[in-house]
Amino acid sequence: FRLWMDLKAGLSPSTTQAVLELCEKGEEEFRDTYQDILSESHDV
């Protein structure tokens, strides 16, 4: 994903907008991972 960040930011006309979009995707991945962990460990 961080390699993709380099590529996308380099190709985007707005580096700031591209970086923020990638940060949002990173936050979504974080949330999804935590939710997966929670679903596996809720009762234990």
All heavy atoms as atom14 arrays in JSON, in Angstrom:
{
  "sequence": "FRLWMDLKAGLSPSTTQAVLELCEKGEEEFRDTYQDILSESHDV",
  "atom14_mask": [
    [1, 1, 1, 1, 1, 1, 1, 1, 1, 1, 1, 0, 0, 0],
    [1, 1, 1, 1, 1, 1, 1, 1, 1, 1, 1, 0, 0, 0],
    [1, 1, 1, 1, 1, 1, 1, 1, 0, 0, 0, 0, 0, 0],
    [1, 1, 1, 1, 1, 1, 1, 1, 1, 1, 1, 1, 1, 1],
    [1, 1, 1, 1, 1, 1, 1, 1, 0, 0, 0, 0, 0, 0],
    [1, 1, 1, 1, 1, 1, 1, 1, 0, 0, 0, 0, 0, 0],
    [1, 1, 1, 1, 1, 1, 1, 1, 0, 0, 0, 0, 0, 0],
    [1, 1, 1, 1, 1, 1, 1, 1, 1, 0, 0, 0, 0, 0],
    [1, 1, 1, 1, 1, 0, 0, 0, 0, 0, 0, 0, 0, 0],
    [1, 1, 1, 1, 0, 0, 0, 0, 0, 0, 0, 0, 0, 0],
    [1, 1, 1, 1, 1, 1, 1, 1, 0, 0, 0, 0, 0, 0],
    [1, 1, 1, 1, 1, 1, 0, 0, 0, 0, 0, 0, 0, 0],
    [1, 1, 1, 1, 1, 1, 1, 0, 0, 0, 0, 0, 0, 0],
    [1, 1, 1, 1, 1, 1, 0, 0, 0, 0, 0, 0, 0, 0],
    [1, 1, 1, 1, 1, 1, 1, 0, 0, 0, 0, 0, 0, 0],
    [1, 1, 1, 1, 1, 1, 1, 0, 0, 0, 0, 0, 0, 0],
    [1, 1, 1, 1, 1, 1, 1, 1, 1, 0, 0, 0, 0, 0],
    [1, 1, 1, 1, 1, 0, 0, 0, 0, 0, 0, 0, 0, 0],
    [1, 1, 1, 1, 1, 1, 1, 0, 0, 0, 0, 0, 0, 0],
    [1, 1, 1, 1, 1, 1, 1, 1, 0, 0, 0, 0, 0, 0],
    [1, 1, 1, 1, 1, 1, 1, 1, 1, 0, 0, 0, 0, 0],
    [1, 1, 1, 1, 1, 1, 1, 1, 0, 0, 0, 0, 0, 0],
    [1, 1, 1, 1, 1, 1, 0, 0, 0, 0, 0, 0, 0, 0],
    [1, 1, 1, 1, 1, 1, 1, 1, 1, 0, 0, 0, 0, 0],
    [1, 1, 1, 1, 1, 1, 1, 1, 1, 0, 0, 0, 0, 0],
    [1, 1, 1, 1, 0, 0, 0, 0, 0, 0, 0, 0, 0, 0],
    [1, 1, 1, 1, 1, 1, 1, 1, 1, 0, 0, 0, 0, 0],
    [1, 1, 1, 1, 1, 1, 1, 1, 1, 0, 0, 0, 0, 0],
    [1, 1, 1, 1, 1, 1, 1, 1, 1, 0, 0, 0, 0, 0],
    [1, 1, 1, 1, 1, 1, 1, 1, 1, 1, 1, 0, 0, 0],
    [1, 1, 1, 1, 1, 1, 1, 1, 1, 1, 1, 0, 0, 0],
    [1, 1, 1, 1, 1, 1, 1, 1, 0, 0, 0, 0, 0, 0],
    [1, 1, 1, 1, 1, 1, 1, 0, 0, 0, 0, 0, 0, 0],
    [1, 1, 1, 1, 1, 1, 1, 1, 1, 1, 1, 1, 0, 0],
    [1, 1, 1, 1, 1, 1, 1, 1, 1, 0, 0, 0, 0, 0],
    [1, 1, 1, 1, 1, 1, 1, 1, 0, 0, 0, 0, 0, 0],
    [1, 1, 1, 1, 1, 1, 1, 1, 0, 0, 0, 0, 0, 0],
    [1, 1, 1, 1, 1, 1, 1, 1, 0, 0, 0, 0, 0, 0],
    [1, 1, 1, 1, 1, 1, 0, 0, 0, 0, 0, 0, 0, 0],
    [1, 1, 1, 1, 1, 1, 1, 1, 1, 0, 0, 0, 0, 0],
    [1, 1, 1, 1, 1, 1, 0, 0, 0, 0, 0, 0, 0, 0],
    [1, 1, 1, 1, 1, 1, 1, 1, 1, 1, 0, 0, 0, 0],
    [1, 1, 1, 1, 1, 1, 1, 1, 0, 0, 0, 0, 0, 0],
    [1, 1, 1, 1, 1, 1, 1, 0, 0, 0, 0, 0, 0, 0]
  ],
  "atom14_positions": [
    [[0.83, -1.2, 0.0], [0.0, 0.0, 0.0], [0.87, 1.26, 0.0], [0.58, 2.22, -0.71], [-0.95, -0.01, 1.21], [-1.88, 1.17, 1.24], [-2.95, 1.25, 0.35], [-1.71, 2.19, 2.15], [-3.81, 2.34, 0.37], [-2.56, 3.28, 2.18], [-3.62, 3.35, 1.29], [0.0, 0.0, 0.0], [0.0, 0.0, 0.0], [0.0, 0.0, 0.0]],
    [[1.95, 1.26, 0.76], [2.82, 2.43, 0.79], [3.54, 2.64, -0.55], [3.77, 3.76, -0.97], [3.78, 2.34, 1.97], [3.05, 2.63, 3.28], [3.96, 2.65, 4.47], [4.57, 1.36, 4.77], [3.94, 0.34, 5.34], [2.69, 0.44, 5.67], [4.58, -0.78, 5.59], [0.0, 0.0, 0.0], [0.0, 0.0, 0.0], [0.0, 0.0, 0.0]],
    [[3.85, 1.55, -1.25], [4.4, 1.68, -2.61], [3.35, 2.32, -3.53], [3.67, 3.18, -4.36], [4.84, 0.33, -3.16], [6.1, -0.26, -2.57], [6.3, -1.7, -3.04], [7.31, 0.59, -2.92], [0.0, 0.0, 0.0], [0.0, 0.0, 0.0], [0.0, 0.0, 0.0], [0.0, 0.0, 0.0], [0.0, 0.0, 0.0], [0.0, 0.0, 0.0]],
    [[2.11, 1.89, -3.39], [1.01, 2.47, -4.16], [0.85, 3.95, -3.82], [0.55, 4.77, -4.69], [-0.28, 1.69, -3.89], [-1.5, 2.31, -4.48], [-2.58, 2.79, -3.81], [-1.78, 2.54, -5.88], [-3.5, 3.3, -4.69], [-3.04, 3.14, -5.97], [-1.08, 2.27, -7.04], [-3.62, 3.51, -7.17], [-1.66, 2.63, -8.26], [-2.9, 3.23, -8.31]],
    [[1.07, 4.33, -2.56], [0.98, 5.73, -2.16], [1.98, 6.56, -2.97], [1.65, 7.64, -3.47], [1.27, 5.91, -0.67], [0.17, 5.46, 0.25], [0.6, 5.63, 2.01], [0.37, 7.4, 2.24], [0.0, 0.0, 0.0], [0.0, 0.0, 0.0], [0.0, 0.0, 0.0], [0.0, 0.0, 0.0], [0.0, 0.0, 0.0], [0.0, 0.0, 0.0]],
    [[3.21, 6.07, -3.08], [4.24, 6.77, -3.85], [3.79, 6.97, -5.29], [3.89, 8.07, -5.84], [5.55, 5.98, -3.86], [6.4, 6.21, -2.65], [6.34, 7.31, -2.07], [7.15, 5.29, -2.27], [0.0, 0.0, 0.0], [0.0, 0.0, 0.0], [0.0, 0.0, 0.0], [0.0, 0.0, 0.0], [0.0, 0.0, 0.0], [0.0, 0.0, 0.0]],
    [[3.31, 5.9, -5.9], [2.9, 5.94, -7.29], [1.72, 6.89, -7.5], [1.75, 7.76, -8.37], [2.54, 4.54, -7.78], [2.12, 4.41, -9.23], [3.24, 4.84, -10.16], [1.69, 2.99, -9.53], [0.0, 0.0, 0.0], [0.0, 0.0, 0.0], [0.0, 0.0, 0.0], [0.0, 0.0, 0.0], [0.0, 0.0, 0.0], [0.0, 0.0, 0.0]],
    [[0.69, 6.73, -6.69], [-0.51, 7.54, -6.85], [-0.21, 9.02, -6.62], [-0.68, 9.89, -7.36], [-1.61, 7.08, -5.91], [-2.86, 7.91, -6.03], [-4.08, 7.17, -5.66], [-5.24, 8.1, -5.81], [-6.36, 7.54, -6.43], [0.0, 0.0, 0.0], [0.0, 0.0, 0.0], [0.0, 0.0, 0.0], [0.0, 0.0, 0.0], [0.0, 0.0, 0.0]],
    [[0.54, 9.34, -5.59], [0.87, 10.74, -5.3], [1.7, 11.34, -6.43], [1.54, 12.51, -6.77], [1.61, 10.85, -3.97], [0.0, 0.0, 0.0], [0.0, 0.0, 0.0], [0.0, 0.0, 0.0], [0.0, 0.0, 0.0], [0.0, 0.0, 0.0], [0.0, 0.0, 0.0], [0.0, 0.0, 0.0], [0.0, 0.0, 0.0], [0.0, 0.0, 0.0]],
    [[2.56, 10.54, -7.03], [3.39, 11.03, -8.12], [2.62, 11.29, -9.39], [2.98, 12.15, -10.19], [0.0, 0.0, 0.0], [0.0, 0.0, 0.0], [0.0, 0.0, 0.0], [0.0, 0.0, 0.0], [0.0, 0.0, 0.0], [0.0, 0.0, 0.0], [0.0, 0.0, 0.0], [0.0, 0.0, 0.0], [0.0, 0.0, 0.0], [0.0, 0.0, 0.0]],
    [[1.53, 10.58, -9.6], [0.75, 10.72, -10.82], [-0.43, 11.68, -10.69], [-1.0, 12.09, -11.69], [0.21, 9.34, -11.26], [1.26, 8.31, -11.64], [0.59, 6.98, -11.94], [2.06, 8.78, -12.85], [0.0, 0.0, 0.0], [0.0, 0.0, 0.0], [0.0, 0.0, 0.0], [0.0, 0.0, 0.0], [0.0, 0.0, 0.0], [0.0, 0.0, 0.0]],
    [[-0.76, 12.04, -9.47], [-1.94, 12.88, -9.24], [-1.63, 14.35, -9.47], [-0.56, 14.84, -9.1], [-2.43, 12.67, -7.81], [-3.51, 13.52, -7.54], [0.0, 0.0, 0.0], [0.0, 0.0, 0.0], [0.0, 0.0, 0.0], [0.0, 0.0, 0.0], [0.0, 0.0, 0.0], [0.0, 0.0, 0.0], [0.0, 0.0, 0.0], [0.0, 0.0, 0.0]],
    [[-2.59, 15.1, -10.06], [-2.38, 16.54, -10.22], [-2.37, 17.26, -8.87], [-1.77, 18.32, -8.75], [-3.56, 16.98, -11.09], [-4.56, 15.9, -11.02], [-3.83, 14.65, -10.65], [0.0, 0.0, 0.0], [0.0, 0.0, 0.0], [0.0, 0.0, 0.0], [0.0, 0.0, 0.0], [0.0, 0.0, 0.0], [0.0, 0.0, 0.0], [0.0, 0.0, 0.0]],
    [[-3.04, 16.71, -7.88], [-3.05, 17.3, -6.54], [-2.48, 16.29, -5.55], [-3.16, 15.35, -5.15], [-4.47, 17.69, -6.11], [-4.47, 18.04, -4.74], [0.0, 0.0, 0.0], [0.0, 0.0, 0.0], [0.0, 0.0, 0.0], [0.0, 0.0, 0.0], [0.0, 0.0, 0.0], [0.0, 0.0, 0.0], [0.0, 0.0, 0.0], [0.0, 0.0, 0.0]],
    [[-1.24, 16.5, -5.17], [-0.59, 15.58, -4.25], [-1.34, 15.53, -2.93], [-1.58, 14.45, -2.38], [0.88, 16.0, -4.0], [1.56, 16.02, -5.24], [1.57, 15.05, -3.05], [0.0, 0.0, 0.0], [0.0, 0.0, 0.0], [0.0, 0.0, 0.0], [0.0, 0.0, 0.0], [0.0, 0.0, 0.0], [0.0, 0.0, 0.0], [0.0, 0.0, 0.0]],
    [[-1.75, 16.69, -2.42], [-2.45, 16.72, -1.14], [-3.73, 15.91, -1.19], [-4.0, 15.1, -0.3], [-2.76, 18.18, -0.73], [-1.52, 18.89, -0.62], [-3.5, 18.24, 0.59], [0.0, 0.0, 0.0], [0.0, 0.0, 0.0], [0.0, 0.0, 0.0], [0.0, 0.0, 0.0], [0.0, 0.0, 0.0], [0.0, 0.0, 0.0], [0.0, 0.0, 0.0]],
    [[-4.51, 16.1, -2.24], [-5.78, 15.37, -2.37], [-5.52, 13.86, -2.48], [-6.22, 13.06, -1.87], [-6.56, 15.89, -3.58], [-8.01, 15.49, -3.57], [-8.81, 16.09, -2.41], [-8.43, 17.07, -1.8], [-9.9, 15.46, -2.08], [0.0, 0.0, 0.0], [0.0, 0.0, 0.0], [0.0, 0.0, 0.0], [0.0, 0.0, 0.0], [0.0, 0.0, 0.0]],
    [[-4.52, 13.49, -3.25], [-4.19, 12.07, -3.41], [-3.74, 11.46, -2.09], [-4.15, 10.35, -1.73], [-3.1, 11.89, -4.47], [0.0, 0.0, 0.0], [0.0, 0.0, 0.0], [0.0, 0.0, 0.0], [0.0, 0.0, 0.0], [0.0, 0.0, 0.0], [0.0, 0.0, 0.0], [0.0, 0.0, 0.0], [0.0, 0.0, 0.0], [0.0, 0.0, 0.0]],
    [[-2.92, 12.19, -1.35], [-2.43, 11.68, -0.06], [-3.59, 11.54, 0.92], [-3.69, 10.54, 1.63], [-1.31, 12.6, 0.5], [-1.0, 12.27, 1.95], [-0.05, 12.48, -0.36], [0.0, 0.0, 0.0], [0.0, 0.0, 0.0], [0.0, 0.0, 0.0], [0.0, 0.0, 0.0], [0.0, 0.0, 0.0], [0.0, 0.0, 0.0], [0.0, 0.0, 0.0]],
    [[-4.48, 12.52, 0.95], [-5.63, 12.42, 1.86], [-6.53, 11.24, 1.49], [-7.04, 10.54, 2.37], [-6.43, 13.72, 1.86], [-5.76, 14.89, 2.57], [-6.51, 16.19, 2.31], [-5.65, 14.63, 4.07], [0.0, 0.0, 0.0], [0.0, 0.0, 0.0], [0.0, 0.0, 0.0], [0.0, 0.0, 0.0], [0.0, 0.0, 0.0], [0.0, 0.0, 0.0]],
    [[-6.7, 11.01, 0.2], [-7.49, 9.87, -0.24], [-6.85, 8.56, 0.23], [-7.53, 7.64, 0.7], [-7.62, 9.88, -1.76], [-8.44, 8.75, -2.32], [-8.52, 8.81, -3.84], [-8.63, 9.9, -4.41], [-8.46, 7.71, -4.45], [0.0, 0.0, 0.0], [0.0, 0.0, 0.0], [0.0, 0.0, 0.0], [0.0, 0.0, 0.0], [0.0, 0.0, 0.0]],
    [[-5.54, 8.48, 0.1], [-4.83, 7.29, 0.54], [-4.88, 7.12, 2.06], [-5.01, 6.01, 2.56], [-3.39, 7.33, 0.04], [-3.27, 7.18, -1.48], [-1.9, 7.65, -1.95], [-3.53, 5.75, -1.9], [0.0, 0.0, 0.0], [0.0, 0.0, 0.0], [0.0, 0.0, 0.0], [0.0, 0.0, 0.0], [0.0, 0.0, 0.0], [0.0, 0.0, 0.0]],
    [[-4.81, 8.23, 2.78], [-4.92, 8.17, 4.24], [-6.3, 7.66, 4.64], [-6.43, 6.87, 5.59], [-4.66, 9.54, 4.86], [-2.93, 10.05, 4.78], [0.0, 0.0, 0.0], [0.0, 0.0, 0.0], [0.0, 0.0, 0.0], [0.0, 0.0, 0.0], [0.0, 0.0, 0.0], [0.0, 0.0, 0.0], [0.0, 0.0, 0.0], [0.0, 0.0, 0.0]],
    [[-7.31, 8.1, 3.92], [-8.66, 7.61, 4.21], [-8.75, 6.1, 3.99], [-9.33, 5.37, 4.8], [-9.69, 8.33, 3.34], [-11.1, 7.93, 3.66], [-12.13, 8.64, 2.82], [-11.8, 9.61, 2.1], [-13.3, 8.2, 2.87], [0.0, 0.0, 0.0], [0.0, 0.0, 0.0], [0.0, 0.0, 0.0], [0.0, 0.0, 0.0], [0.0, 0.0, 0.0]],
    [[-8.17, 5.62, 2.91], [-8.17, 4.17, 2.65], [-7.4, 3.42, 3.75], [-7.81, 2.34, 4.16], [-7.58, 3.88, 1.28], [-8.49, 4.3, 0.14], [-8.03, 3.77, -1.17], [-8.85, 4.26, -2.33], [-10.28, 4.2, -2.18], [0.0, 0.0, 0.0], [0.0, 0.0, 0.0], [0.0, 0.0, 0.0], [0.0, 0.0, 0.0], [0.0, 0.0, 0.0]],
    [[-6.33, 4.01, 4.21], [-5.58, 3.4, 5.31], [-6.4, 3.33, 6.58], [-6.37, 2.33, 7.31], [0.0, 0.0, 0.0], [0.0, 0.0, 0.0], [0.0, 0.0, 0.0], [0.0, 0.0, 0.0], [0.0, 0.0, 0.0], [0.0, 0.0, 0.0], [0.0, 0.0, 0.0], [0.0, 0.0, 0.0], [0.0, 0.0, 0.0], [0.0, 0.0, 0.0]],
    [[-7.16, 4.38, 6.86], [-8.04, 4.38, 8.03], [-9.12, 3.31, 7.9], [-9.49, 2.65, 8.87], [-8.68, 5.75, 8.25], [-7.72, 6.83, 8.71], [-7.15, 6.61, 10.1], [-7.68, 5.79, 10.89], [-6.15, 7.27, 10.42], [0.0, 0.0, 0.0], [0.0, 0.0, 0.0], [0.0, 0.0, 0.0], [0.0, 0.0, 0.0], [0.0, 0.0, 0.0]],
    [[-9.62, 3.12, 6.69], [-10.64, 2.08, 6.46], [-10.05, 0.69, 6.68], [-10.7, -0.19, 7.26], [-11.23, 2.22, 5.05], [-12.09, 3.44, 4.9], [-12.44, 3.8, 3.47], [-11.96, 3.12, 2.53], [-13.18, 4.78, 3.29], [0.0, 0.0, 0.0], [0.0, 0.0, 0.0], [0.0, 0.0, 0.0], [0.0, 0.0, 0.0], [0.0, 0.0, 0.0]],
    [[-8.82, 0.48, 6.24], [-8.15, -0.8, 6.45], [-7.93, -1.06, 7.94], [-8.13, -2.17, 8.43], [-6.82, -0.85, 5.69], [-6.07, -2.15, 5.82], [-6.81, -3.34, 5.21], [-7.6, -3.16, 4.27], [-6.6, -4.45, 5.72], [0.0, 0.0, 0.0], [0.0, 0.0, 0.0], [0.0, 0.0, 0.0], [0.0, 0.0, 0.0], [0.0, 0.0, 0.0]],
    [[-7.53, -0.02, 8.65], [-7.35, -0.12, 10.1], [-8.66, -0.54, 10.76], [-8.71, -1.5, 11.54], [-6.88, 1.22, 10.67], [-6.65, 1.22, 12.15], [-5.38, 1.01, 12.65], [-7.69, 1.45, 13.04], [-5.16, 1.03, 14.03], [-7.48, 1.45, 14.4], [-6.21, 1.24, 14.91], [0.0, 0.0, 0.0], [0.0, 0.0, 0.0], [0.0, 0.0, 0.0]],
    [[-9.74, 0.17, 10.43], [-11.06, -0.13, 11.0], [-11.48, -1.57, 10.69], [-11.91, -2.3, 11.58], [-12.09, 0.85, 10.45], [-13.52, 0.58, 10.93], [-14.55, 1.21, 10.02], [-14.42, 0.65, 8.68], [-14.67, 1.35, 7.57], [-15.04, 2.6, 7.63], [-14.54, 0.76, 6.39], [0.0, 0.0, 0.0], [0.0, 0.0, 0.0], [0.0, 0.0, 0.0]],
    [[-11.32, -1.97, 9.43], [-11.73, -3.31, 9.03], [-10.94, -4.39, 9.77], [-11.49, -5.41, 10.19], [-11.59, -3.49, 7.52], [-12.55, -2.62, 6.72], [-13.51, -2.05, 7.32], [-12.34, -2.51, 5.5], [0.0, 0.0, 0.0], [0.0, 0.0, 0.0], [0.0, 0.0, 0.0], [0.0, 0.0, 0.0], [0.0, 0.0, 0.0], [0.0, 0.0, 0.0]],
    [[-9.65, -4.17, 9.95], [-8.82, -5.13, 10.67], [-9.26, -5.24, 12.12], [-9.41, -6.34, 12.66], [-7.33, -4.75, 10.58], [-6.94, -4.74, 9.2], [-6.46, -5.71, 11.36], [0.0, 0.0, 0.0], [0.0, 0.0, 0.0], [0.0, 0.0, 0.0], [0.0, 0.0, 0.0], [0.0, 0.0, 0.0], [0.0, 0.0, 0.0], [0.0, 0.0, 0.0]],
    [[-9.46, -4.09, 12.77], [-9.92, -4.11, 14.16], [-11.28, -4.81, 14.26], [-11.52, -5.59, 15.18], [-10.0, -2.69, 14.7], [-8.84, -2.28, 15.58], [-7.52, -2.5, 15.21], [-9.06, -1.65, 16.8], [-6.47, -2.1, 16.0], [-8.02, -1.25, 17.61], [-6.72, -1.48, 17.21], [-5.67, -1.08, 18.02], [0.0, 0.0, 0.0], [0.0, 0.0, 0.0]],
    [[-12.19, -4.54, 13.33], [-13.51, -5.17, 13.38], [-13.39, -6.68, 13.2], [-14.1, -7.44, 13.86], [-14.45, -4.54, 12.35], [-14.89, -3.16, 12.75], [-15.73, -2.45, 11.69], [-15.73, -2.82, 10.52], [-16.43, -1.42, 12.12], [0.0, 0.0, 0.0], [0.0, 0.0, 0.0], [0.0, 0.0, 0.0], [0.0, 0.0, 0.0], [0.0, 0.0, 0.0]],
    [[-12.5, -7.12, 12.32], [-12.26, -8.56, 12.15], [-11.74, -9.18, 13.45], [-12.19, -10.25, 13.88], [-11.26, -8.84, 11.03], [-11.82, -8.59, 9.64], [-13.06, -8.45, 9.5], [-11.02, -8.53, 8.7], [0.0, 0.0, 0.0], [0.0, 0.0, 0.0], [0.0, 0.0, 0.0], [0.0, 0.0, 0.0], [0.0, 0.0, 0.0], [0.0, 0.0, 0.0]],
    [[-10.8, -8.51, 14.06], [-10.24, -9.0, 15.33], [-11.33, -9.07, 16.39], [-11.44, -10.06, 17.12], [-9.07, -8.1, 15.8], [-7.88, -8.21, 14.85], [-8.67, -8.46, 17.23], [-6.81, -7.17, 15.09], [0.0, 0.0, 0.0], [0.0, 0.0, 0.0], [0.0, 0.0, 0.0], [0.0, 0.0, 0.0], [0.0, 0.0, 0.0], [0.0, 0.0, 0.0]],
    [[-12.15, -8.03, 16.46], [-13.22, -8.01, 17.46], [-14.22, -9.13, 17.24], [-14.68, -9.76, 18.2], [-13.93, -6.65, 17.44], [-13.15, -5.51, 18.08], [-13.76, -4.17, 17.75], [-13.07, -5.7, 19.59], [0.0, 0.0, 0.0], [0.0, 0.0, 0.0], [0.0, 0.0, 0.0], [0.0, 0.0, 0.0], [0.0, 0.0, 0.0], [0.0, 0.0, 0.0]],
    [[-14.55, -9.4, 16.0], [-15.52, -10.47, 15.73], [-14.97, -11.84, 16.12], [-15.72, -12.72, 16.52], [-15.95, -10.46, 14.26], [-14.9, -10.87, 13.43], [0.0, 0.0, 0.0], [0.0, 0.0, 0.0], [0.0, 0.0, 0.0], [0.0, 0.0, 0.0], [0.0, 0.0, 0.0], [0.0, 0.0, 0.0], [0.0, 0.0, 0.0], [0.0, 0.0, 0.0]],
    [[-13.66, -12.0, 16.05], [-13.02, -13.27, 16.41], [-12.84, -13.43, 17.92], [-12.74, -14.55, 18.41], [-11.65, -13.38, 15.75], [-11.69, -13.43, 14.25], [-10.32, -13.25, 13.63], [-9.3, -13.3, 14.36], [-10.26, -13.05, 12.41], [0.0, 0.0, 0.0], [0.0, 0.0, 0.0], [0.0, 0.0, 0.0], [0.0, 0.0, 0.0], [0.0, 0.0, 0.0]],
    [[-12.77, -12.33, 18.64], [-12.39, -12.42, 20.05], [-13.47, -11.93, 21.0], [-13.23, -11.87, 22.21], [-11.1, -11.63, 20.28], [-11.28, -10.29, 19.91], [0.0, 0.0, 0.0], [0.0, 0.0, 0.0], [0.0, 0.0, 0.0], [0.0, 0.0, 0.0], [0.0, 0.0, 0.0], [0.0, 0.0, 0.0], [0.0, 0.0, 0.0], [0.0, 0.0, 0.0]],
    [[-14.64, -11.61, 20.5], [-15.68, -10.97, 21.3], [-16.01, -11.74, 22.58], [-16.09, -11.16, 23.66], [-16.93, -10.73, 20.46], [-17.97, -9.96, 21.18], [-17.74, -8.72, 21.73], [-19.27, -10.25, 21.46], [-18.83, -8.28, 22.3], [-19.78, -9.19, 22.17], [0.0, 0.0, 0.0], [0.0, 0.0, 0.0], [0.0, 0.0, 0.0], [0.0, 0.0, 0.0]],
    [[-16.24, -13.01, 22.48], [-16.66, -13.8, 23.64], [-15.51, -14.35, 24.46], [-15.72, -14.81, 25.58], [-17.56, -14.96, 23.18], [-18.83, -14.47, 22.53], [-19.34, -13.41, 22.95], [-19.31, -15.13, 21.6], [0.0, 0.0, 0.0], [0.0, 0.0, 0.0], [0.0, 0.0, 0.0], [0.0, 0.0, 0.0], [0.0, 0.0, 0.0], [0.0, 0.0, 0.0]],
    [[-14.32, -14.31, 23.92], [-13.2, -15.0, 24.57], [-12.32, -14.06, 25.4], [-11.87, -14.42, 26.48], [-12.33, -15.72, 23.5], [-11.21, -16.51, 24.16], [-13.19, -16.61, 22.63], [0.0, 0.0, 0.0], [0.0, 0.0, 0.0], [0.0, 0.0, 0.0], [0.0, 0.0, 0.0], [0.0, 0.0, 0.0], [0.0, 0.0, 0.0], [0.0, 0.0, 0.0]]
  ]
}
